[in-house]
mmCIF file of all heavy atoms, coordinates in Angstrom:
data_MODEL
# 
_entry.id   MODEL 
# 
loop_
_atom_site.group_PDB 
_atom_site.id 
_atom_site.type_symbol 
_atom_site.label_atom_id 
_atom_site.label_alt_id 
_atom_site.label_comp_id 
_atom_site.label_asym_id 
_atom_site.label_entity_id 
_atom_site.label_seq_id 
_atom_site.pdbx_PDB_ins_code 
_atom_site.Cartn_x 
_atom_site.Cartn_y 
_atom_site.Cartn_z 
_atom_site.occupancy 
_atom_site.B_iso_or_equiv 
_atom_site.pdbx_formal_charge 
_atom_site.auth_seq_id 
_atom_site.auth_comp_id 
_atom_site.auth_asym_id 
_atom_site.auth_atom_id 
_atom_site.pdbx_PDB_model_num 
ATOM 1   N N   . GLY A 1 1  ? 17.104 -22.919 17.344 1.00 0.00 ? 1  GLY A N   1 
ATOM 2   C CA  . GLY A 1 1  ? 15.659 -23.074 17.406 1.00 0.00 ? 1  GLY A CA  1 
ATOM 3   C C   . GLY A 1 1  ? 14.894 -21.774 17.469 1.00 0.00 ? 1  GLY A C   1 
ATOM 4   O O   . GLY A 1 1  ? 13.662 -21.766 17.473 1.00 0.00 ? 1  GLY A O   1 
ATOM 5   N N   . VAL A 1 2  ? 15.610 -20.642 17.499 1.00 0.00 ? 2  VAL A N   1 
ATOM 6   C CA  . VAL A 1 2  ? 14.990 -19.331 17.701 1.00 0.00 ? 2  VAL A CA  1 
ATOM 7   C C   . VAL A 1 2  ? 15.206 -18.379 16.524 1.00 0.00 ? 2  VAL A C   1 
ATOM 8   O O   . VAL A 1 2  ? 14.286 -17.675 16.117 1.00 0.00 ? 2  VAL A O   1 
ATOM 9   C CB  . VAL A 1 2  ? 15.537 -18.681 18.998 1.00 0.00 ? 2  VAL A CB  1 
ATOM 10  C CG1 . VAL A 1 2  ? 15.051 -17.252 19.151 1.00 0.00 ? 2  VAL A CG1 1 
ATOM 11  C CG2 . VAL A 1 2  ? 15.164 -19.519 20.210 1.00 0.00 ? 2  VAL A CG2 1 
ATOM 12  N N   . HIS A 1 3  ? 16.413 -18.354 16.001 1.00 0.00 ? 3  HIS A N   1 
ATOM 13  C CA  . HIS A 1 3  ? 16.753 -17.378 14.956 1.00 0.00 ? 3  HIS A CA  1 
ATOM 14  C C   . HIS A 1 3  ? 16.559 -17.948 13.555 1.00 0.00 ? 3  HIS A C   1 
ATOM 15  O O   . HIS A 1 3  ? 16.787 -19.134 13.317 1.00 0.00 ? 3  HIS A O   1 
ATOM 16  C CB  . HIS A 1 3  ? 18.203 -16.906 15.127 1.00 0.00 ? 3  HIS A CB  1 
ATOM 17  C CG  . HIS A 1 3  ? 18.410 -16.103 16.362 1.00 0.00 ? 3  HIS A CG  1 
ATOM 18  N ND1 . HIS A 1 3  ? 18.954 -16.633 17.508 1.00 0.00 ? 3  HIS A ND1 1 
ATOM 19  C CD2 . HIS A 1 3  ? 18.098 -14.811 16.634 1.00 0.00 ? 3  HIS A CD2 1 
ATOM 20  C CE1 . HIS A 1 3  ? 18.988 -15.688 18.433 1.00 0.00 ? 3  HIS A CE1 1 
ATOM 21  N NE2 . HIS A 1 3  ? 18.474 -14.579 17.944 1.00 0.00 ? 3  HIS A NE2 1 
ATOM 22  N N   . PHE A 1 4  ? 16.153 -17.066 12.638 1.00 0.00 ? 4  PHE A N   1 
ATOM 23  C CA  . PHE A 1 4  ? 15.979 -17.471 11.246 1.00 0.00 ? 4  PHE A CA  1 
ATOM 24  C C   . PHE A 1 4  ? 17.336 -17.819 10.627 1.00 0.00 ? 4  PHE A C   1 
ATOM 25  O O   . PHE A 1 4  ? 18.342 -17.188 10.936 1.00 0.00 ? 4  PHE A O   1 
ATOM 26  C CB  . PHE A 1 4  ? 15.395 -16.331 10.397 1.00 0.00 ? 4  PHE A CB  1 
ATOM 27  C CG  . PHE A 1 4  ? 14.071 -15.788 10.825 1.00 0.00 ? 4  PHE A CG  1 
ATOM 28  C CD1 . PHE A 1 4  ? 13.537 -14.693 10.171 1.00 0.00 ? 4  PHE A CD1 1 
ATOM 29  C CD2 . PHE A 1 4  ? 13.339 -16.344 11.865 1.00 0.00 ? 4  PHE A CD2 1 
ATOM 30  C CE1 . PHE A 1 4  ? 12.312 -14.154 10.539 1.00 0.00 ? 4  PHE A CE1 1 
ATOM 31  C CE2 . PHE A 1 4  ? 12.105 -15.818 12.236 1.00 0.00 ? 4  PHE A CE2 1 
ATOM 32  C CZ  . PHE A 1 4  ? 11.600 -14.712 11.572 1.00 0.00 ? 4  PHE A CZ  1 
ATOM 33  N N   . THR A 1 5  ? 17.332 -18.789 9.728  1.00 0.00 ? 5  THR A N   1 
ATOM 34  C CA  . THR A 1 5  ? 18.490 -19.016 8.869  1.00 0.00 ? 5  THR A CA  1 
ATOM 35  C C   . THR A 1 5  ? 18.443 -17.979 7.741  1.00 0.00 ? 5  THR A C   1 
ATOM 36  O O   . THR A 1 5  ? 17.467 -17.233 7.601  1.00 0.00 ? 5  THR A O   1 
ATOM 37  C CB  . THR A 1 5  ? 18.447 -20.421 8.242  1.00 0.00 ? 5  THR A CB  1 
ATOM 38  O OG1 . THR A 1 5  ? 17.276 -20.506 7.406  1.00 0.00 ? 5  THR A OG1 1 
ATOM 39  C CG2 . THR A 1 5  ? 18.422 -21.511 9.299  1.00 0.00 ? 5  THR A CG2 1 
ATOM 40  N N   . GLU A 1 6  ? 19.475 -17.961 6.914  1.00 0.00 ? 6  GLU A N   1 
ATOM 41  C CA  . GLU A 1 6  ? 19.454 -17.078 5.741  1.00 0.00 ? 6  GLU A CA  1 
ATOM 42  C C   . GLU A 1 6  ? 18.284 -17.444 4.832  1.00 0.00 ? 6  GLU A C   1 
ATOM 43  O O   . GLU A 1 6  ? 17.569 -16.566 4.334  1.00 0.00 ? 6  GLU A O   1 
ATOM 44  C CB  . GLU A 1 6  ? 20.779 -17.181 4.981  1.00 0.00 ? 6  GLU A CB  1 
ATOM 45  C CG  . GLU A 1 6  ? 21.947 -16.601 5.763  1.00 0.00 ? 6  GLU A CG  1 
ATOM 46  C CD  . GLU A 1 6  ? 23.296 -16.937 5.161  1.00 0.00 ? 6  GLU A CD  1 
ATOM 47  O OE1 . GLU A 1 6  ? 23.550 -18.143 4.914  1.00 0.00 ? 6  GLU A OE1 1 
ATOM 48  O OE2 . GLU A 1 6  ? 24.092 -16.012 4.938  1.00 0.00 ? 6  GLU A OE2 1 
ATOM 49  N N   . GLN A 1 7  ? 18.067 -18.747 4.642  1.00 0.00 ? 7  GLN A N   1 
ATOM 50  C CA  . GLN A 1 7  ? 16.930 -19.194 3.832  1.00 0.00 ? 7  GLN A CA  1 
ATOM 51  C C   . GLN A 1 7  ? 15.619 -18.787 4.497  1.00 0.00 ? 7  GLN A C   1 
ATOM 52  O O   . GLN A 1 7  ? 14.641 -18.453 3.827  1.00 0.00 ? 7  GLN A O   1 
ATOM 53  C CB  . GLN A 1 7  ? 16.973 -20.715 3.638  1.00 0.00 ? 7  GLN A CB  1 
ATOM 54  C CG  . GLN A 1 7  ? 18.173 -21.227 2.874  1.00 0.00 ? 7  GLN A CG  1 
ATOM 55  C CD  . GLN A 1 7  ? 19.425 -21.427 3.742  1.00 0.00 ? 7  GLN A CD  1 
ATOM 56  O OE1 . GLN A 1 7  ? 19.436 -21.111 4.935  1.00 0.00 ? 7  GLN A OE1 1 
ATOM 57  N NE2 . GLN A 1 7  ? 20.483 -21.911 3.136  1.00 0.00 ? 7  GLN A NE2 1 
ATOM 58  N N   . GLY A 1 8  ? 15.601 -18.813 5.835  1.00 0.00 ? 8  GLY A N   1 
ATOM 59  C CA  . GLY A 1 8  ? 14.414 -18.403 6.574  1.00 0.00 ? 8  GLY A CA  1 
ATOM 60  C C   . GLY A 1 8  ? 14.079 -16.940 6.348  1.00 0.00 ? 8  GLY A C   1 
ATOM 61  O O   . GLY A 1 8  ? 12.916 -16.569 6.198  1.00 0.00 ? 8  GLY A O   1 
ATOM 62  N N   . HIS A 1 9  ? 15.103 -16.095 6.316  1.00 0.00 ? 9  HIS A N   1 
ATOM 63  C CA  . HIS A 1 9  ? 14.877 -14.673 6.037  1.00 0.00 ? 9  HIS A CA  1 
ATOM 64  C C   . HIS A 1 9  ? 14.291 -14.485 4.641  1.00 0.00 ? 9  HIS A C   1 
ATOM 65  O O   . HIS A 1 9  ? 13.370 -13.675 4.454  1.00 0.00 ? 9  HIS A O   1 
ATOM 66  C CB  . HIS A 1 9  ? 16.193 -13.892 6.159  1.00 0.00 ? 9  HIS A CB  1 
ATOM 67  C CG  . HIS A 1 9  ? 16.488 -13.436 7.544  1.00 0.00 ? 9  HIS A CG  1 
ATOM 68  N ND1 . HIS A 1 9  ? 16.069 -12.228 8.037  1.00 0.00 ? 9  HIS A ND1 1 
ATOM 69  C CD2 . HIS A 1 9  ? 17.172 -14.046 8.553  1.00 0.00 ? 9  HIS A CD2 1 
ATOM 70  C CE1 . HIS A 1 9  ? 16.488 -12.097 9.302  1.00 0.00 ? 9  HIS A CE1 1 
ATOM 71  N NE2 . HIS A 1 9  ? 17.150 -13.185 9.627  1.00 0.00 ? 9  HIS A NE2 1 
ATOM 72  N N   . ARG A 1 10 ? 14.801 -15.225 3.674  1.00 0.00 ? 10 ARG A N   1 
ATOM 73  C CA  . ARG A 1 10 ? 14.281 -15.082 2.305  1.00 0.00 ? 10 ARG A CA  1 
ATOM 74  C C   . ARG A 1 10 ? 12.837 -15.578 2.218  1.00 0.00 ? 10 ARG A C   1 
ATOM 75  O O   . ARG A 1 10 ? 11.997 -14.968 1.552  1.00 0.00 ? 10 ARG A O   1 
ATOM 76  C CB  . ARG A 1 10 ? 15.192 -15.813 1.320  1.00 0.00 ? 10 ARG A CB  1 
ATOM 77  C CG  . ARG A 1 10 ? 16.577 -15.161 1.206  1.00 0.00 ? 10 ARG A CG  1 
ATOM 78  C CD  . ARG A 1 10 ? 17.359 -15.637 0.009  1.00 0.00 ? 10 ARG A CD  1 
ATOM 79  N NE  . ARG A 1 10 ? 17.646 -17.060 0.047  1.00 0.00 ? 10 ARG A NE  1 
ATOM 80  C CZ  . ARG A 1 10 ? 18.721 -17.620 0.604  1.00 0.00 ? 10 ARG A CZ  1 
ATOM 81  N NH1 . ARG A 1 10 ? 19.628 -16.850 1.191  1.00 0.00 ? 10 ARG A NH1 1 
ATOM 82  N NH2 . ARG A 1 10 ? 18.897 -18.922 0.577  1.00 0.00 ? 10 ARG A NH2 1 
ATOM 83  N N   . ALA A 1 11 ? 12.532 -16.677 2.926  1.00 0.00 ? 11 ALA A N   1 
ATOM 84  C CA  . ALA A 1 11 ? 11.155 -17.183 2.942  1.00 0.00 ? 11 ALA A CA  1 
ATOM 85  C C   . ALA A 1 11 ? 10.226 -16.187 3.630  1.00 0.00 ? 11 ALA A C   1 
ATOM 86  O O   . ALA A 1 11 ? 9.097  -15.954 3.184  1.00 0.00 ? 11 ALA A O   1 
ATOM 87  C CB  . ALA A 1 11 ? 11.095 -18.540 3.649  1.00 0.00 ? 11 ALA A CB  1 
ATOM 88  N N   . PHE A 1 12 ? 10.698 -15.590 4.708  1.00 0.00 ? 12 PHE A N   1 
ATOM 89  C CA  . PHE A 1 12 ? 9.906  -14.583 5.415  1.00 0.00 ? 12 PHE A CA  1 
ATOM 90  C C   . PHE A 1 12 ? 9.603  -13.412 4.478  1.00 0.00 ? 12 PHE A C   1 
ATOM 91  O O   . PHE A 1 12 ? 8.473  -12.922 4.411  1.00 0.00 ? 12 PHE A O   1 
ATOM 92  C CB  . PHE A 1 12 ? 10.660 -14.098 6.657  1.00 0.00 ? 12 PHE A CB  1 
ATOM 93  C CG  . PHE A 1 12 ? 9.863  -13.174 7.532  1.00 0.00 ? 12 PHE A CG  1 
ATOM 94  C CD1 . PHE A 1 12 ? 9.179  -13.655 8.634  1.00 0.00 ? 12 PHE A CD1 1 
ATOM 95  C CD2 . PHE A 1 12 ? 9.791  -11.812 7.249  1.00 0.00 ? 12 PHE A CD2 1 
ATOM 96  C CE1 . PHE A 1 12 ? 8.435  -12.806 9.442  1.00 0.00 ? 12 PHE A CE1 1 
ATOM 97  C CE2 . PHE A 1 12 ? 9.051  -10.960 8.051  1.00 0.00 ? 12 PHE A CE2 1 
ATOM 98  C CZ  . PHE A 1 12 ? 8.370  -11.458 9.149  1.00 0.00 ? 12 PHE A CZ  1 
ATOM 99  N N   . ALA A 1 13 ? 10.610 -12.953 3.756  1.00 0.00 ? 13 ALA A N   1 
ATOM 100 C CA  . ALA A 1 13 ? 10.420 -11.837 2.821  1.00 0.00 ? 13 ALA A CA  1 
ATOM 101 C C   . ALA A 1 13 ? 9.385  -12.184 1.759  1.00 0.00 ? 13 ALA A C   1 
ATOM 102 O O   . ALA A 1 13 ? 8.517  -11.364 1.434  1.00 0.00 ? 13 ALA A O   1 
ATOM 103 C CB  . ALA A 1 13 ? 11.754 -11.461 2.171  1.00 0.00 ? 13 ALA A CB  1 
ATOM 104 N N   . ARG A 1 14 ? 9.439  -13.399 1.224  1.00 0.00 ? 14 ARG A N   1 
ATOM 105 C CA  . ARG A 1 14 ? 8.455  -13.815 0.215  1.00 0.00 ? 14 ARG A CA  1 
ATOM 106 C C   . ARG A 1 14 ? 7.045  -13.776 0.789  1.00 0.00 ? 14 ARG A C   1 
ATOM 107 O O   . ARG A 1 14 ? 6.112  -13.282 0.156  1.00 0.00 ? 14 ARG A O   1 
ATOM 108 C CB  . ARG A 1 14 ? 8.761  -15.236 -0.288 1.00 0.00 ? 14 ARG A CB  1 
ATOM 109 C CG  . ARG A 1 14 ? 9.891  -15.313 -1.288 1.00 0.00 ? 14 ARG A CG  1 
ATOM 110 C CD  . ARG A 1 14 ? 9.933  -16.676 -1.973 1.00 0.00 ? 14 ARG A CD  1 
ATOM 111 N NE  . ARG A 1 14 ? 10.163 -17.783 -1.047 1.00 0.00 ? 14 ARG A NE  1 
ATOM 112 C CZ  . ARG A 1 14 ? 11.357 -18.221 -0.674 1.00 0.00 ? 14 ARG A CZ  1 
ATOM 113 N NH1 . ARG A 1 14 ? 12.455 -17.659 -1.134 1.00 0.00 ? 14 ARG A NH1 1 
ATOM 114 N NH2 . ARG A 1 14 ? 11.461 -19.235 0.162  1.00 0.00 ? 14 ARG A NH2 1 
ATOM 115 N N   . GLY A 1 15 ? 6.886  -14.310 2.000  1.00 0.00 ? 15 GLY A N   1 
ATOM 116 C CA  . GLY A 1 15 ? 5.569  -14.314 2.633  1.00 0.00 ? 15 GLY A CA  1 
ATOM 117 C C   . GLY A 1 15 ? 5.057  -12.906 2.887  1.00 0.00 ? 15 GLY A C   1 
ATOM 118 O O   . GLY A 1 15 ? 3.890  -12.608 2.636  1.00 0.00 ? 15 GLY A O   1 
ATOM 119 N N   . LEU A 1 16 ? 5.930  -12.033 3.361  1.00 0.00 ? 16 LEU A N   1 
ATOM 120 C CA  . LEU A 1 16 ? 5.519  -10.669 3.663  1.00 0.00 ? 16 LEU A CA  1 
ATOM 121 C C   . LEU A 1 16 ? 5.172  -9.896  2.395  1.00 0.00 ? 16 LEU A C   1 
ATOM 122 O O   . LEU A 1 16 ? 4.206  -9.127  2.369  1.00 0.00 ? 16 LEU A O   1 
ATOM 123 C CB  . LEU A 1 16 ? 6.616  -9.955  4.451  1.00 0.00 ? 16 LEU A CB  1 
ATOM 124 C CG  . LEU A 1 16 ? 6.325  -8.511  4.863  1.00 0.00 ? 16 LEU A CG  1 
ATOM 125 C CD1 . LEU A 1 16 ? 4.999  -8.388  5.611  1.00 0.00 ? 16 LEU A CD1 1 
ATOM 126 C CD2 . LEU A 1 16 ? 7.466  -7.968  5.713  1.00 0.00 ? 16 LEU A CD2 1 
ATOM 127 N N   . LEU A 1 17 ? 5.935  -10.094 1.340  1.00 0.00 ? 17 LEU A N   1 
ATOM 128 C CA  . LEU A 1 17 ? 5.627  -9.416  0.076  1.00 0.00 ? 17 LEU A CA  1 
ATOM 129 C C   . LEU A 1 17 ? 4.240  -9.800  -0.430 1.00 0.00 ? 17 LEU A C   1 
ATOM 130 O O   . LEU A 1 17 ? 3.487  -8.944  -0.913 1.00 0.00 ? 17 LEU A O   1 
ATOM 131 C CB  . LEU A 1 17 ? 6.699  -9.742  -0.974 1.00 0.00 ? 17 LEU A CB  1 
ATOM 132 C CG  . LEU A 1 17 ? 8.038  -9.022  -0.775 1.00 0.00 ? 17 LEU A CG  1 
ATOM 133 C CD1 . LEU A 1 17 ? 9.126  -9.684  -1.602 1.00 0.00 ? 17 LEU A CD1 1 
ATOM 134 C CD2 . LEU A 1 17 ? 7.921  -7.542  -1.128 1.00 0.00 ? 17 LEU A CD2 1 
ATOM 135 N N   . LYS A 1 18 ? 3.881  -11.065 -0.287 1.00 0.00 ? 18 LYS A N   1 
ATOM 136 C CA  . LYS A 1 18 ? 2.537  -11.497 -0.693 1.00 0.00 ? 18 LYS A CA  1 
ATOM 137 C C   . LYS A 1 18 ? 1.469  -10.821 0.152  1.00 0.00 ? 18 LYS A C   1 
ATOM 138 O O   . LYS A 1 18 ? 0.434  -10.384 -0.349 1.00 0.00 ? 18 LYS A O   1 
ATOM 139 C CB  . LYS A 1 18 ? 2.405  -13.020 -0.585 1.00 0.00 ? 18 LYS A CB  1 
ATOM 140 C CG  . LYS A 1 18 ? 3.187  -13.781 -1.643 1.00 0.00 ? 18 LYS A CG  1 
ATOM 141 C CD  . LYS A 1 18 ? 3.050  -15.283 -1.451 1.00 0.00 ? 18 LYS A CD  1 
ATOM 142 C CE  . LYS A 1 18 ? 3.919  -16.033 -2.434 1.00 0.00 ? 18 LYS A CE  1 
ATOM 143 N NZ  . LYS A 1 18 ? 3.925  -17.490 -2.175 1.00 0.00 ? 18 LYS A NZ  1 
ATOM 144 N N   . VAL A 1 19 ? 1.707  -10.751 1.453  1.00 0.00 ? 19 VAL A N   1 
ATOM 145 C CA  . VAL A 1 19 ? 0.742  -10.104 2.349  1.00 0.00 ? 19 VAL A CA  1 
ATOM 146 C C   . VAL A 1 19 ? 0.575  -8.636  1.984  1.00 0.00 ? 19 VAL A C   1 
ATOM 147 O O   . VAL A 1 19 ? -0.541 -8.123  1.911  1.00 0.00 ? 19 VAL A O   1 
ATOM 148 C CB  . VAL A 1 19 ? 1.186  -10.252 3.827  1.00 0.00 ? 19 VAL A CB  1 
ATOM 149 C CG1 . VAL A 1 19 ? 0.401  -9.324  4.730  1.00 0.00 ? 19 VAL A CG1 1 
ATOM 150 C CG2 . VAL A 1 19 ? 1.020  -11.691 4.271  1.00 0.00 ? 19 VAL A CG2 1 
ATOM 151 N N   . LEU A 1 20 ? 1.667  -7.939  1.746  1.00 0.00 ? 20 LEU A N   1 
ATOM 152 C CA  . LEU A 1 20 ? 1.585  -6.518  1.403  1.00 0.00 ? 20 LEU A CA  1 
ATOM 153 C C   . LEU A 1 20 ? 0.810  -6.312  0.108  1.00 0.00 ? 20 LEU A C   1 
ATOM 154 O O   . LEU A 1 20 ? 0.029  -5.368  -0.014 1.00 0.00 ? 20 LEU A O   1 
ATOM 155 C CB  . LEU A 1 20 ? 2.982  -5.912  1.297  1.00 0.00 ? 20 LEU A CB  1 
ATOM 156 C CG  . LEU A 1 20 ? 3.777  -5.814  2.595  1.00 0.00 ? 20 LEU A CG  1 
ATOM 157 C CD1 . LEU A 1 20 ? 5.140  -5.201  2.342  1.00 0.00 ? 20 LEU A CD1 1 
ATOM 158 C CD2 . LEU A 1 20 ? 3.025  -5.018  3.651  1.00 0.00 ? 20 LEU A CD2 1 
ATOM 159 N N   . ASP A 1 21 ? 1.012  -7.189  -0.862 1.00 0.00 ? 21 ASP A N   1 
ATOM 160 C CA  . ASP A 1 21 ? 0.262  -7.103  -2.118 1.00 0.00 ? 21 ASP A CA  1 
ATOM 161 C C   . ASP A 1 21 ? -1.236 -7.259  -1.870 1.00 0.00 ? 21 ASP A C   1 
ATOM 162 O O   . ASP A 1 21 ? -2.058 -6.627  -2.534 1.00 0.00 ? 21 ASP A O   1 
ATOM 163 C CB  . ASP A 1 21 ? 0.726  -8.174  -3.106 1.00 0.00 ? 21 ASP A CB  1 
ATOM 164 C CG  . ASP A 1 21 ? 2.033  -7.808  -3.790 1.00 0.00 ? 21 ASP A CG  1 
ATOM 165 O OD1 . ASP A 1 21 ? 2.437  -6.629  -3.746 1.00 0.00 ? 21 ASP A OD1 1 
ATOM 166 O OD2 . ASP A 1 21 ? 2.656  -8.706  -4.384 1.00 0.00 ? 21 ASP A OD2 1 
ATOM 167 N N   . GLU A 1 22 ? -1.599 -8.112  -0.897 1.00 0.00 ? 22 GLU A N   1 
ATOM 168 C CA  . GLU A 1 22 ? -3.014 -8.378  -0.614 1.00 0.00 ? 22 GLU A CA  1 
ATOM 169 C C   . GLU A 1 22 ? -3.662 -7.300  0.262  1.00 0.00 ? 22 GLU A C   1 
ATOM 170 O O   . GLU A 1 22 ? -4.869 -7.094  0.193  1.00 0.00 ? 22 GLU A O   1 
ATOM 171 C CB  . GLU A 1 22 ? -3.155 -9.737  0.078  1.00 0.00 ? 22 GLU A CB  1 
ATOM 172 C CG  . GLU A 1 22 ? -2.776 -10.907 -0.816 1.00 0.00 ? 22 GLU A CG  1 
ATOM 173 C CD  . GLU A 1 22 ? -2.605 -12.212 -0.056 1.00 0.00 ? 22 GLU A CD  1 
ATOM 174 O OE1 . GLU A 1 22 ? -2.822 -12.216 1.186  1.00 0.00 ? 22 GLU A OE1 1 
ATOM 175 O OE2 . GLU A 1 22 ? -2.239 -13.215 -0.680 1.00 0.00 ? 22 GLU A OE2 1 
ATOM 176 N N   . LEU A 1 23 ? -2.862 -6.624  1.088  1.00 0.00 ? 23 LEU A N   1 
ATOM 177 C CA  . LEU A 1 23 ? -3.419 -5.654  2.030  1.00 0.00 ? 23 LEU A CA  1 
ATOM 178 C C   . LEU A 1 23 ? -4.054 -4.460  1.342  1.00 0.00 ? 23 LEU A C   1 
ATOM 179 O O   . LEU A 1 23 ? -5.170 -4.066  1.653  1.00 0.00 ? 23 LEU A O   1 
ATOM 180 C CB  . LEU A 1 23 ? -2.330 -5.136  2.974  1.00 0.00 ? 23 LEU A CB  1 
ATOM 181 C CG  . LEU A 1 23 ? -1.837 -6.072  4.054  1.00 0.00 ? 23 LEU A CG  1 
ATOM 182 C CD1 . LEU A 1 23 ? -0.852 -5.349  4.955  1.00 0.00 ? 23 LEU A CD1 1 
ATOM 183 C CD2 . LEU A 1 23 ? -2.992 -6.613  4.878  1.00 0.00 ? 23 LEU A CD2 1 
ATOM 184 N N   . SER A 1 24 ? -3.297 -3.884  0.434  1.00 0.00 ? 24 SER A N   1 
ATOM 185 C CA  . SER A 1 24 ? -3.756 -2.632  -0.167 1.00 0.00 ? 24 SER A CA  1 
ATOM 186 C C   . SER A 1 24 ? -2.911 -2.332  -1.392 1.00 0.00 ? 24 SER A C   1 
ATOM 187 O O   . SER A 1 24 ? -1.705 -2.601  -1.389 1.00 0.00 ? 24 SER A O   1 
ATOM 188 C CB  . SER A 1 24 ? -3.615 -1.496  0.851  1.00 0.00 ? 24 SER A CB  1 
ATOM 189 O OG  . SER A 1 24 ? -3.694 -0.245  0.224  1.00 0.00 ? 24 SER A OG  1 
ATOM 190 N N   . PRO A 1 25 ? -3.499 -1.752  -2.426 1.00 0.00 ? 25 PRO A N   1 
ATOM 191 C CA  . PRO A 1 25 ? -2.698 -1.346  -3.586 1.00 0.00 ? 25 PRO A CA  1 
ATOM 192 C C   . PRO A 1 25 ? -1.586 -0.372  -3.192 1.00 0.00 ? 25 PRO A C   1 
ATOM 193 O O   . PRO A 1 25 ? -0.544 -0.331  -3.828 1.00 0.00 ? 25 PRO A O   1 
ATOM 194 C CB  . PRO A 1 25 ? -3.714 -0.657  -4.502 1.00 0.00 ? 25 PRO A CB  1 
ATOM 195 C CG  . PRO A 1 25 ? -5.033 -1.202  -4.095 1.00 0.00 ? 25 PRO A CG  1 
ATOM 196 C CD  . PRO A 1 25 ? -4.924 -1.493  -2.619 1.00 0.00 ? 25 PRO A CD  1 
ATOM 197 N N   . ALA A 1 26 ? -1.794 0.380   -2.116 1.00 0.00 ? 26 ALA A N   1 
ATOM 198 C CA  . ALA A 1 26 ? -0.777 1.339   -1.678 1.00 0.00 ? 26 ALA A CA  1 
ATOM 199 C C   . ALA A 1 26 ? 0.514  0.656   -1.254 1.00 0.00 ? 26 ALA A C   1 
ATOM 200 O O   . ALA A 1 26 ? 1.598  1.226   -1.371 1.00 0.00 ? 26 ALA A O   1 
ATOM 201 C CB  . ALA A 1 26 ? -1.318 2.167   -0.517 1.00 0.00 ? 26 ALA A CB  1 
ATOM 202 N N   . PHE A 1 27 ? 0.407  -0.591  -0.756 1.00 0.00 ? 27 PHE A N   1 
ATOM 203 C CA  . PHE A 1 27 ? 1.594  -1.297  -0.275 1.00 0.00 ? 27 PHE A CA  1 
ATOM 204 C C   . PHE A 1 27 ? 2.191  -2.229  -1.321 1.00 0.00 ? 27 PHE A C   1 
ATOM 205 O O   . PHE A 1 27 ? 3.215  -2.853  -1.078 1.00 0.00 ? 27 PHE A O   1 
ATOM 206 C CB  . PHE A 1 27 ? 1.268  -2.107  0.987  1.00 0.00 ? 27 PHE A CB  1 
ATOM 207 C CG  . PHE A 1 27 ? 0.751  -1.262  2.110  1.00 0.00 ? 27 PHE A CG  1 
ATOM 208 C CD1 . PHE A 1 27 ? -0.386 -1.633  2.794  1.00 0.00 ? 27 PHE A CD1 1 
ATOM 209 C CD2 . PHE A 1 27 ? 1.391  -0.097  2.476  1.00 0.00 ? 27 PHE A CD2 1 
ATOM 210 C CE1 . PHE A 1 27 ? -0.879 -0.858  3.843  1.00 0.00 ? 27 PHE A CE1 1 
ATOM 211 C CE2 . PHE A 1 27 ? 0.907  0.688   3.514  1.00 0.00 ? 27 PHE A CE2 1 
ATOM 212 C CZ  . PHE A 1 27 ? -0.230 0.303   4.199  1.00 0.00 ? 27 PHE A CZ  1 
ATOM 213 N N   . ALA A 1 28 ? 1.541  -2.372  -2.460 1.00 0.00 ? 28 ALA A N   1 
ATOM 214 C CA  . ALA A 1 28 ? 2.055  -3.256  -3.501 1.00 0.00 ? 28 ALA A CA  1 
ATOM 215 C C   . ALA A 1 28 ? 3.355  -2.681  -4.050 1.00 0.00 ? 28 ALA A C   1 
ATOM 216 O O   . ALA A 1 28 ? 3.528  -1.468  -4.156 1.00 0.00 ? 28 ALA A O   1 
ATOM 217 C CB  . ALA A 1 28 ? 1.034  -3.421  -4.618 1.00 0.00 ? 28 ALA A CB  1 
ATOM 218 N N   . ALA A 1 29 ? 4.262  -3.551  -4.398 1.00 0.00 ? 29 ALA A N   1 
ATOM 219 C CA  . ALA A 1 29 ? 5.564  -3.117  -4.901 1.00 0.00 ? 29 ALA A CA  1 
ATOM 220 C C   . ALA A 1 29 ? 5.397  -2.354  -6.217 1.00 0.00 ? 29 ALA A C   1 
ATOM 221 O O   . ALA A 1 29 ? 4.739  -2.826  -7.127 1.00 0.00 ? 29 ALA A O   1 
ATOM 222 C CB  . ALA A 1 29 ? 6.466  -4.321  -5.109 1.00 0.00 ? 29 ALA A CB  1 
ATOM 223 N N   . PRO A 1 30 ? 6.006  -1.155  -6.320 1.00 0.00 ? 30 PRO A N   1 
ATOM 224 C CA  . PRO A 1 30 ? 5.870  -0.374  -7.539 1.00 0.00 ? 30 PRO A CA  1 
ATOM 225 C C   . PRO A 1 30 ? 6.773  -0.831  -8.669 1.00 0.00 ? 30 PRO A C   1 
ATOM 226 O O   . PRO A 1 30 ? 6.633  -0.382  -9.793 1.00 0.00 ? 30 PRO A O   1 
ATOM 227 C CB  . PRO A 1 30 ? 6.258  1.037   -7.075 1.00 0.00 ? 30 PRO A CB  1 
ATOM 228 C CG  . PRO A 1 30 ? 7.233  0.796   -5.960 1.00 0.00 ? 30 PRO A CG  1 
ATOM 229 C CD  . PRO A 1 30 ? 6.752  -0.465  -5.287 1.00 0.00 ? 30 PRO A CD  1 
ATOM 230 N N   . CYS A 1 31 ? 7.718  -1.720  -8.359 1.00 0.00 ? 31 CYS A N   1 
ATOM 231 C CA  . CYS A 1 31 ? 8.645  -2.156  -9.395 1.00 0.00 ? 31 CYS A CA  1 
ATOM 232 C C   . CYS A 1 31 ? 8.532  -3.665  -9.555 1.00 0.00 ? 31 CYS A C   1 
ATOM 233 O O   . CYS A 1 31 ? 8.190  -4.378  -8.624 1.00 0.00 ? 31 CYS A O   1 
ATOM 234 C CB  . CYS A 1 31 ? 10.073 -1.767  -9.030 1.00 0.00 ? 31 CYS A CB  1 
ATOM 235 S SG  . CYS A 1 31 ? 10.604 -2.341  -7.416 1.00 0.00 ? 31 CYS A SG  1 
# 
């Protein structure tokens, strides 16, 4: 009930990548 599953880690990464893209062009993925 506390730790992420492997799928949870991948979902977290997807969510964070979207946030970084929205925060600033400086944080957007260059590749």
